Protein backbone atom coordinates (compact mmCIF):
# COMPACT_ATOMS: atom_id res chain seq x y z
CA MET A 1 0.00 0.00 0.00
CA ILE A 2 2.72 2.48 0.99
CA GLY A 3 4.78 1.48 -2.05
CA GLN A 4 1.84 2.26 -4.35
CA LEU A 5 1.29 5.65 -2.69
CA ILE A 6 4.96 6.50 -3.00
CA GLU A 7 5.04 5.69 -6.72
CA ALA A 8 1.71 7.37 -7.45
CA GLU A 9 2.52 10.63 -5.68
CA ARG A 10 6.25 10.90 -6.30
CA SER A 11 5.74 13.02 -9.41
CA LYS A 12 3.58 15.37 -7.33
CA TYR A 13 6.39 15.61 -4.77
CA LEU A 14 8.96 16.42 -7.45
CA VAL A 15 6.90 19.39 -8.59
CA ASN A 16 5.86 20.76 -5.21
CA SER A 17 7.52 19.48 -2.03
CA HIS A 18 5.84 20.79 1.10
CA TYR A 19 9.11 21.17 3.05
CA ASP A 20 12.67 22.01 2.11
CA LEU A 21 13.92 20.06 5.12
CA ILE A 22 12.55 17.57 7.63
CA VAL A 23 14.69 17.13 10.74
CA ILE A 24 14.14 13.94 12.75
CA GLY A 25 15.01 14.39 16.43
CA ALA A 26 14.78 17.59 18.49
CA GLY A 27 18.02 17.18 20.41
CA ALA A 28 21.08 19.42 20.33
CA ALA A 29 22.06 18.65 16.72
CA GLY A 30 18.50 18.71 15.38
CA LEU A 31 17.60 21.99 17.05
CA MET A 32 20.80 23.68 15.89
CA ALA A 33 20.37 22.44 12.31
CA SER A 34 16.72 23.51 12.20
CA ILE A 35 17.58 27.01 13.39
CA GLN A 36 20.38 27.47 10.87
CA ALA A 37 18.27 26.19 7.97
CA GLY A 38 15.26 28.23 9.05
CA GLU A 39 17.31 31.42 9.36
CA ARG A 40 18.38 30.89 5.74
CA GLY A 41 14.75 30.99 4.66
CA LEU A 42 14.18 27.24 4.24
CA LYS A 43 10.84 25.75 5.20
CA VAL A 44 11.75 23.38 8.03
CA LEU A 45 9.74 20.73 9.86
CA LEU A 46 11.27 19.35 13.07
CA LEU A 47 9.82 16.04 14.24
CA GLU A 48 10.25 14.77 17.81
CA LYS A 49 8.83 11.44 18.94
CA GLY A 50 8.72 12.50 22.59
CA GLU A 51 6.45 14.99 24.30
CA LYS A 52 9.11 17.71 24.42
CA ALA A 53 12.39 18.74 22.84
CA GLY A 54 15.90 18.56 24.22
CA ARG A 55 15.45 15.97 26.94
CA LYS A 56 19.17 15.15 27.02
CA ILE A 57 19.98 18.86 27.10
CA LEU A 58 17.86 19.21 30.24
CA ILE A 59 19.63 16.43 32.14
CA SER A 60 23.17 17.10 30.91
CA GLY A 61 25.72 18.47 33.34
CA GLY A 62 23.57 17.46 36.29
CA GLY A 63 20.78 19.75 35.11
CA ARG A 64 23.15 22.66 34.46
CA CYS A 65 23.97 21.76 30.80
CA ASN A 66 27.68 21.66 30.09
CA ILE A 67 27.40 23.45 26.71
CA THR A 68 31.02 22.99 25.61
CA ASN A 69 34.60 23.16 26.89
CA ASN A 70 36.89 26.20 26.75
CA LYS A 71 40.05 24.64 28.20
CA TYR A 72 41.92 24.28 24.91
CA SER A 73 42.91 27.11 22.58
CA GLU A 74 44.09 24.80 19.80
CA ILE A 75 41.70 22.54 17.85
CA LYS A 76 44.27 19.73 17.84
CA ASP A 77 44.26 19.72 21.65
CA PHE A 78 40.46 19.87 21.78
CA LEU A 79 40.29 16.84 19.49
CA GLN A 80 42.31 14.71 21.93
CA ASN A 81 39.04 14.32 23.84
CA TYR A 82 37.41 12.25 21.09
CA PRO A 83 38.32 8.53 21.13
CA ARG A 84 36.36 8.17 17.88
CA GLY A 85 35.73 10.75 15.15
CA SER A 86 38.53 13.25 15.80
CA LYS A 87 39.88 13.11 12.23
CA PHE A 88 36.41 13.73 10.79
CA LEU A 89 35.80 16.63 13.19
CA TRP A 90 39.04 18.46 12.32
CA GLY A 91 37.62 20.22 9.27
CA LEU A 92 34.22 20.76 10.88
CA PHE A 93 35.74 22.54 13.88
CA SER A 94 37.53 24.93 11.57
CA LYS A 95 34.03 26.14 10.59
CA PHE A 96 32.21 25.94 13.92
CA ASN A 97 34.04 25.12 17.17
CA HIS A 98 33.71 25.71 20.91
CA ILE A 99 34.40 29.44 20.64
CA ASP A 100 31.73 29.72 17.94
CA THR A 101 29.30 27.82 20.19
CA ILE A 102 29.87 30.23 23.08
CA ASN A 103 29.47 33.19 20.74
CA TRP A 104 26.32 31.67 19.22
CA PHE A 105 24.60 31.36 22.59
CA GLU A 106 25.82 34.79 23.72
CA SER A 107 24.43 36.32 20.50
CA HIS A 108 21.11 34.68 21.31
CA ASN A 109 21.10 36.38 24.74
CA LEU A 110 22.27 33.43 26.84
CA LYS A 111 25.19 34.47 29.04
CA THR A 112 27.74 31.76 29.78
CA LYS A 113 30.56 31.16 32.25
CA THR A 114 33.71 29.07 32.04
CA GLU A 115 34.65 27.10 35.15
CA GLU A 116 38.18 26.32 36.30
CA ASP A 117 38.33 22.98 34.50
CA GLY A 118 37.20 24.54 31.21
CA ARG A 119 33.57 23.43 31.28
CA VAL A 120 31.14 26.05 29.99
CA PHE A 121 27.68 26.49 31.53
CA PRO A 122 24.87 29.02 31.25
CA ILE A 123 25.49 31.69 33.89
CA THR A 124 22.21 30.67 35.51
CA ASP A 125 23.34 27.03 35.98
CA ASN A 126 19.98 26.03 34.54
CA SER A 127 19.80 23.73 31.51
CA ALA A 128 16.22 24.89 30.82
CA ASP A 129 17.65 28.26 29.80
CA VAL A 130 19.77 26.57 27.14
CA LEU A 131 16.77 24.70 25.74
CA ASN A 132 14.55 27.78 25.87
CA THR A 133 17.17 29.74 23.94
CA LEU A 134 17.16 27.11 21.21
CA LEU A 135 13.36 26.89 21.09
CA LYS A 136 13.04 30.67 20.91
CA ALA A 137 15.52 30.71 18.02
CA CYS A 138 13.46 28.00 16.29
CA GLN A 139 10.35 30.11 16.65
CA GLN A 140 12.10 33.19 15.25
CA ALA A 141 13.39 31.12 12.32
CA LYS A 142 9.82 29.90 11.67
CA VAL A 143 10.70 26.26 12.28
CA GLU A 144 7.59 24.10 12.60
CA ILE A 145 7.92 21.59 15.47
CA LEU A 146 5.66 18.58 15.89
CA TYR A 147 5.84 16.35 18.97
CA LYS A 148 4.79 12.72 19.48
CA GLN A 149 5.71 11.99 15.86
CA ASN A 150 7.33 8.58 15.54
CA VAL A 151 9.08 8.13 12.20
CA LYS A 152 8.78 4.64 10.74
CA ASP A 153 10.91 4.91 7.61
CA LEU A 154 12.61 7.15 5.06
CA LEU A 155 11.28 7.43 1.51
CA ILE A 156 14.12 6.79 -0.95
CA LYS A 157 14.10 6.16 -4.68
CA ASP A 158 16.81 6.43 -7.35
CA GLN A 159 19.44 7.19 -4.69
CA SER A 160 17.52 10.25 -3.47
CA VAL A 161 15.43 10.82 -0.36
CA PHE A 162 12.07 12.53 -0.80
CA GLY A 163 10.16 12.16 2.46
CA ILE A 164 9.34 10.09 5.52
CA VAL A 165 6.63 7.71 6.72
CA LEU A 166 5.27 8.02 10.26
CA GLN A 167 4.16 5.05 12.36
CA ASN A 168 0.52 5.97 11.64
CA GLU A 169 1.32 5.61 7.88
CA THR A 170 1.21 9.38 7.25
CA ILE A 171 3.61 10.40 4.49
CA ILE A 172 5.36 13.77 4.61
CA TYR A 173 7.39 14.91 1.62
CA ALA A 174 10.56 17.00 1.69
CA ARG A 175 13.49 17.79 -0.58
CA ASN A 176 15.96 16.97 2.21
CA ILE A 177 15.96 14.88 5.39
CA LEU A 178 18.30 15.30 8.36
CA VAL A 179 18.49 12.39 10.80
CA SER A 180 19.60 13.55 14.26
CA CYS A 181 17.71 11.29 16.63
CA GLY A 182 20.70 10.11 18.69
CA GLY A 183 22.27 6.75 19.41
CA MET A 184 21.38 4.28 22.16
CA SER A 185 22.34 6.21 25.32
CA TYR A 186 19.89 7.45 27.98
CA GLN A 187 17.10 5.46 26.35
CA LYS A 188 14.50 6.97 28.66
CA THR A 189 14.97 10.19 26.68
CA GLY A 190 13.94 8.47 23.45
CA SER A 191 17.29 7.47 21.89
CA THR A 192 16.61 3.86 20.96
CA GLY A 193 18.73 3.46 17.84
CA ASP A 194 15.89 3.74 15.30
CA ALA A 195 18.15 5.50 12.79
CA TYR A 196 20.59 2.61 12.48
CA GLU A 197 17.98 0.48 10.67
CA TRP A 198 17.15 3.36 8.30
CA ALA A 199 20.84 3.85 7.57
CA ILE A 200 21.40 0.18 6.73
CA LYS A 201 18.35 0.13 4.42
CA ALA A 202 19.75 3.23 2.70
CA GLY A 203 23.02 1.40 2.06
CA HIS A 204 25.11 2.87 4.86
CA LYS A 205 27.49 0.89 7.02
CA VAL A 206 26.78 1.16 10.75
CA ILE A 207 29.51 0.53 13.30
CA LYS A 208 27.90 -1.53 16.07
CA ALA A 209 26.65 0.69 18.89
CA LYS A 210 28.54 0.23 22.16
CA PRO A 211 28.00 1.88 25.54
CA SER A 212 30.58 4.54 26.41
CA LEU A 213 31.05 6.90 29.37
CA THR A 214 29.55 4.44 31.81
CA GLY A 215 30.27 2.92 35.23
CA TYR A 216 31.84 -0.45 36.09
CA LEU A 217 30.27 -3.23 38.14
CA SER A 218 32.44 -4.91 40.76
CA PRO A 219 31.70 -7.87 43.07
CA ASP A 220 34.31 -6.73 45.63
CA ALA A 221 32.62 -6.19 49.00
CA TRP A 222 35.18 -3.61 50.13
CA ILE A 223 34.19 -1.42 47.15
CA HIS A 224 30.58 -1.42 48.31
CA ASN A 225 31.72 -0.59 51.86
CA LEU A 226 33.20 2.65 50.50
CA LYS A 227 30.06 3.84 48.70
CA GLY A 228 29.90 7.62 48.55
CA LEU A 229 33.69 8.04 48.83
CA THR A 230 35.32 10.14 46.10
CA LEU A 231 38.94 10.02 44.97
CA SER A 232 40.51 12.64 42.74
CA ASN A 233 43.69 12.86 40.68
CA ILE A 234 44.39 9.15 40.53
CA LYS A 235 45.71 7.03 37.69
CA LEU A 236 43.49 4.21 36.40
CA SER A 237 44.66 1.23 34.34
CA LEU A 238 42.30 -1.38 32.89
CA TYR A 239 43.63 -4.87 32.17
CA GLN A 240 42.11 -7.64 30.07
CA ASN A 241 43.54 -11.06 30.92
CA SER A 242 46.61 -9.37 32.48
CA LYS A 243 47.17 -7.13 29.42
CA LYS A 244 46.73 -3.37 29.79
CA ILE A 245 44.09 -2.08 27.33
CA ALA A 246 43.31 1.42 28.63
CA GLU A 247 44.85 3.99 30.92
CA HIS A 248 43.82 7.47 32.03
CA SER A 249 43.80 9.83 35.00
CA GLY A 250 40.81 11.35 36.73
CA GLY A 251 38.33 11.10 39.57
CA LEU A 252 36.42 8.10 40.89
CA LEU A 253 33.33 7.53 43.02
CA PHE A 254 32.61 4.30 44.91
CA THR A 255 28.98 3.12 44.79
CA HIS A 256 26.90 0.24 46.13
CA TRP A 257 27.30 -1.54 42.75
CA GLY A 258 30.86 -0.61 41.76
CA ILE A 259 32.68 2.49 40.57
CA THR A 260 31.83 5.55 38.50
CA GLY A 261 33.06 9.11 38.01
CA PRO A 262 34.96 11.13 35.35
CA GLY A 263 38.06 8.92 35.29
CA ILE A 264 35.99 5.75 35.01
CA PHE A 265 33.94 7.29 32.20
CA LYS A 266 37.14 7.96 30.24
CA ILE A 267 38.42 4.42 30.77
CA SER A 268 35.08 2.93 29.68
CA SER A 269 35.16 5.16 26.60
CA LEU A 270 38.67 4.06 25.62
CA ALA A 271 37.66 0.42 26.17
CA ALA A 272 34.19 0.67 24.57
CA GLY A 273 33.01 -2.61 23.05
CA GLN A 274 34.80 -5.02 25.38
CA ASP A 275 33.04 -8.29 26.20
CA TYR A 276 33.16 -8.35 29.98
CA ASN A 277 31.49 -11.76 30.11
CA SER A 278 34.17 -13.67 28.22
CA ASP A 279 37.44 -12.37 29.71
CA ILE A 280 38.90 -11.39 33.07
CA TYR A 281 39.00 -7.63 33.64
CA THR A 282 40.85 -5.87 36.40
CA LEU A 283 41.16 -2.16 37.19
CA TYR A 284 44.19 -0.90 39.09
CA LEU A 285 44.29 2.43 40.91
CA ASN A 286 47.47 4.37 41.53
CA LEU A 287 46.42 6.60 44.43
CA LEU A 288 49.69 8.56 44.30
CA PRO A 289 50.55 8.93 40.60
CA ASP A 290 53.01 11.78 41.21
CA LEU A 291 55.28 9.60 43.37
CA THR A 292 57.68 6.83 42.36
CA ARG A 293 57.77 3.65 44.39
CA GLU A 294 61.03 4.81 45.95
CA ASP A 295 59.51 8.20 46.82
CA LEU A 296 56.57 6.53 48.57
CA GLU A 297 58.78 4.13 50.50
CA ASN A 298 60.97 6.99 51.69
CA LEU A 299 57.87 9.01 52.65
CA LEU A 300 56.51 6.18 54.78
CA LYS A 301 59.85 5.53 56.42
CA GLU A 302 60.20 9.24 57.19
CA LYS A 303 56.79 9.23 58.88
CA TRP A 304 57.75 6.23 60.97
CA LYS A 305 61.42 6.73 61.74
CA ASN A 306 60.94 8.83 64.88
CA ASN A 307 58.16 6.76 66.35
CA ALA A 308 58.49 3.00 66.13
CA ARG A 309 55.39 2.56 68.31
CA LYS A 310 53.10 4.63 66.06
CA LYS A 311 50.23 2.58 64.61
CA VAL A 312 50.40 1.75 60.92
CA ILE A 313 46.95 3.16 60.19
CA ASN A 314 47.91 6.51 61.74
CA CYS A 315 51.05 6.66 59.61
CA LEU A 316 48.89 6.71 56.48
CA GLU A 317 47.31 10.04 57.44
CA GLY A 318 47.80 12.60 54.70
CA ILE A 319 48.54 9.80 52.24
CA CYS A 320 45.23 7.99 52.15
CA LEU A 321 41.65 8.88 53.11
CA GLU A 322 40.43 7.51 56.46
CA ARG A 323 37.82 5.07 55.15
CA LEU A 324 40.06 3.87 52.34
CA LYS A 325 43.19 3.19 54.39
CA ASN A 326 41.16 1.00 56.73
CA GLU A 327 39.90 -1.09 53.81
CA ILE A 328 43.36 -1.31 52.21
CA LEU A 329 44.94 -2.71 55.36
CA LEU A 330 42.08 -5.15 55.86
CA GLN A 331 42.39 -6.30 52.23
CA ILE A 332 46.04 -7.19 52.58
CA GLY A 333 45.46 -8.74 55.98
CA ILE A 334 47.44 -6.30 58.12
CA ASN A 335 46.17 -5.55 61.61
CA THR A 336 45.37 -1.83 61.64
CA GLN A 337 46.65 -1.58 65.21
CA LYS A 338 50.12 -2.87 64.41
CA THR A 339 53.01 -0.52 65.09
CA LEU A 340 55.99 0.21 62.87
CA SER A 341 58.22 -2.04 64.95
CA GLU A 342 55.83 -4.92 64.26
CA ILE A 343 55.66 -4.41 60.46
CA SER A 344 57.77 -6.73 58.32
CA LYS A 345 59.51 -5.73 55.10
CA LYS A 346 57.02 -7.89 53.21
CA GLU A 347 54.07 -6.09 54.81
CA LEU A 348 55.62 -2.69 54.02
CA ASN A 349 55.89 -3.73 50.37
CA GLN A 350 52.25 -4.88 50.45
CA ILE A 351 51.15 -1.46 51.70
CA ILE A 352 53.17 0.31 48.99
CA GLU A 353 51.81 -2.04 46.32
CA SER A 354 48.23 -1.37 47.44
CA LEU A 355 48.69 2.40 47.37
CA MET A 356 50.20 2.31 43.89
CA LYS A 357 48.28 -0.59 42.36
CA LEU A 358 45.03 -1.11 44.23
CA LYS A 359 43.13 -3.95 42.56
CA ILE A 360 39.43 -3.87 41.66
CA ASN A 361 37.77 -6.84 39.96
CA ILE A 362 35.41 -5.83 37.12
CA THR A 363 32.48 -7.99 36.00
CA GLY A 364 30.77 -5.63 33.57
CA ILE A 365 29.36 -2.18 32.90
CA ARG A 366 26.10 -0.54 33.90
CA PRO A 367 22.99 -1.78 32.02
CA SER A 368 22.80 -0.65 28.41
CA GLY A 369 20.79 2.52 27.99
CA GLU A 370 22.19 4.17 31.13
CA GLU A 371 25.45 5.21 29.48
CA ILE A 372 26.06 8.91 28.79
CA VAL A 373 26.92 8.43 25.13
CA THR A 374 27.04 5.78 22.42
CA ALA A 375 30.25 4.69 20.70
CA GLY A 376 29.61 3.52 17.16
CA GLY A 377 27.08 4.65 14.58
CA ILE A 378 27.05 5.75 10.93
CA GLU A 379 30.37 5.11 9.18
CA LEU A 380 32.03 8.52 8.77
CA ASN A 381 33.70 7.67 5.44
CA GLU A 382 30.21 7.65 3.93
CA ILE A 383 29.42 11.22 5.04
CA ASN A 384 30.58 14.40 3.28
CA SER A 385 32.47 16.24 6.02
CA ASN A 386 31.87 19.59 4.32
CA THR A 387 28.08 19.30 4.34
CA MET A 388 27.06 16.29 6.53
CA GLN A 389 25.23 14.89 3.48
CA SER A 390 25.31 11.18 2.73
CA LYS A 391 27.66 10.17 -0.07
CA ILE A 392 25.20 7.40 -0.93
CA ILE A 393 21.76 9.07 -0.88
CA ASN A 394 21.17 12.58 -2.23
CA GLY A 395 19.35 14.91 0.15
CA LEU A 396 19.98 12.70 3.20
CA TYR A 397 21.95 14.30 6.04
CA TRP A 398 23.21 12.98 9.39
CA ALA A 399 24.20 14.85 12.57
CA GLY A 400 24.81 14.28 16.27
CA GLU A 401 25.25 11.09 18.23
CA VAL A 402 23.88 8.90 15.44
CA LEU A 403 27.33 9.28 13.83
CA ASN A 404 30.38 7.24 14.86
CA ILE A 405 31.67 10.13 16.99
CA ASP A 406 31.93 10.23 20.75
CA GLY A 407 33.93 12.25 23.25
CA PHE A 408 34.82 12.35 26.92
CA THR A 409 32.68 14.14 29.49
CA GLY A 410 33.14 17.87 29.85
CA GLY A 411 31.04 19.30 27.01
CA PHE A 412 32.71 17.48 24.14
CA ASN A 413 29.72 15.40 23.04
CA LEU A 414 27.42 18.41 22.99
CA GLN A 415 30.06 20.29 21.00
CA SER A 416 30.14 17.65 18.27
CA ALA A 417 26.32 17.81 18.19
CA TRP A 418 26.26 21.62 17.86
CA THR A 419 28.95 21.48 15.17
CA THR A 420 27.50 18.72 13.00
CA GLY A 421 24.03 20.27 13.33
CA TRP A 422 25.31 23.74 12.42
CA ILE A 423 27.17 22.43 9.37
CA ALA A 424 24.14 20.44 8.16
CA GLY A 425 21.72 23.33 8.68
CA ASN A 426 23.95 25.67 6.70
CA SER A 427 24.56 23.16 3.90
CA VAL A 428 21.09 21.88 3.01
C-alpha cells in the first residue's frame, strides 16, 4: 500500500515538495540544524517522537547543561578528547568550534561562564535556559515543530530521499531529510537506535553501537563498603587477561554496585566494546601517581622513623583517606593496630603495592541505555564532512550522536552535536 502511494505521488512531490527540510530528532544537533536552515529561509519541519524537545539537554551536566569546553585554545588539543571521530571533526571545527558555540549562545542572549576545568555552563546554571534559547531561536526562524511523531521509515528512490513515513502511515514529503535522533544512550529520553535500521536500508554501514562513558560493576565487597567516597587525581589502568588495554587519570566515586566518576567514564570510553562476560578484567588504581615507588617508600619511612610505636593506620594520614586506608589494610590482611616495629619488610611492600596498584575486579558495565553516550554509529567515510550529506543518498543528512563520533565528558559530546548540526543546517 505504501509502495503504491509512493510511486503514485512521487511526481507530485517532485513538482511541489511541502518542506525544504525535515529534521528527525529535536536534540542538540536537530535543534541547531533547524535554526540554521530556518534562518536561511528554508521551510523546516522538526519532528520529535517525545512529548518535548531537548530531553538530554535538560539532564546534561547534572541539570546545568555543560554546553562545551573552553580549556583548549588549539583545535588539535580539543580533538584529543574524542576517542572516535577526531579526524572527521578536524575540518568541521575549523568552521564551527567551541568558541563559535559560546558566541552563538551569547548572540542569542544566553550568558555563559567558564569554570576552572574549562567546562562552559549558562550563567544561571539552569539547563532549561539553554533549551529555551534554542526553542526561541526555532520560533524566530519559523521552524515548525511537531511532537509525538514517531518516524517509521525514510522514503528513498533512485538514490535520493524525498520524504518520511510516520508510524501511523502518514507520508510527509521533503526535498531533504536530516536524521539527528541520537544513538542508544539514555534510552529513557527516546534514543533507541531507530536511525541505524534506516541507515542500513539506505546502504550505509553502521559501526555496532557500544556503551561509552559508563560505570563499572564490581563484586568486591570492600568497594561497596566505601560507597559515597570520592577520589581525585588518581591514575586508572584497565587490564584484560593481564594485558593493559586502557589507561587514564581522573576522579572516581565508589557506589553500592561498583565504581563511577569522570576517570571511570574515560576508561570505559577508551575500552568501549569489550566483552566483559568472556574475559577477566581488572582495574588498578594508583592513588599517588606523582610519586615513584622509591619516593613513597621513603615518605613512609620518614613518617615512621621517629616513632616506632606509632600505629600503621595513623602513619597513612595525609597519604590515604580515612575510610580507604582502613579497607586497604584489611584487604592485605594487616592488623590496623600494628606498630611500625611490628611491620615486616614484606608487609611494608604490600602497603606500597596497594597504594600504587590497588586492585578492583570488574564484572561488567552498567545496564545498556544508562550510558552517557554511544560509541559507534554511521560510518564517517560515507558522510561528506563539508556538508554532513550522505555520499550514498542525495538529500539525506546525518548529525549528532547517530554518527560514529563520541567524546569524553566535559562538554565534548554536545560540542560535536552543535557542530554537525550547524554544518548540516547551513549546507542543506
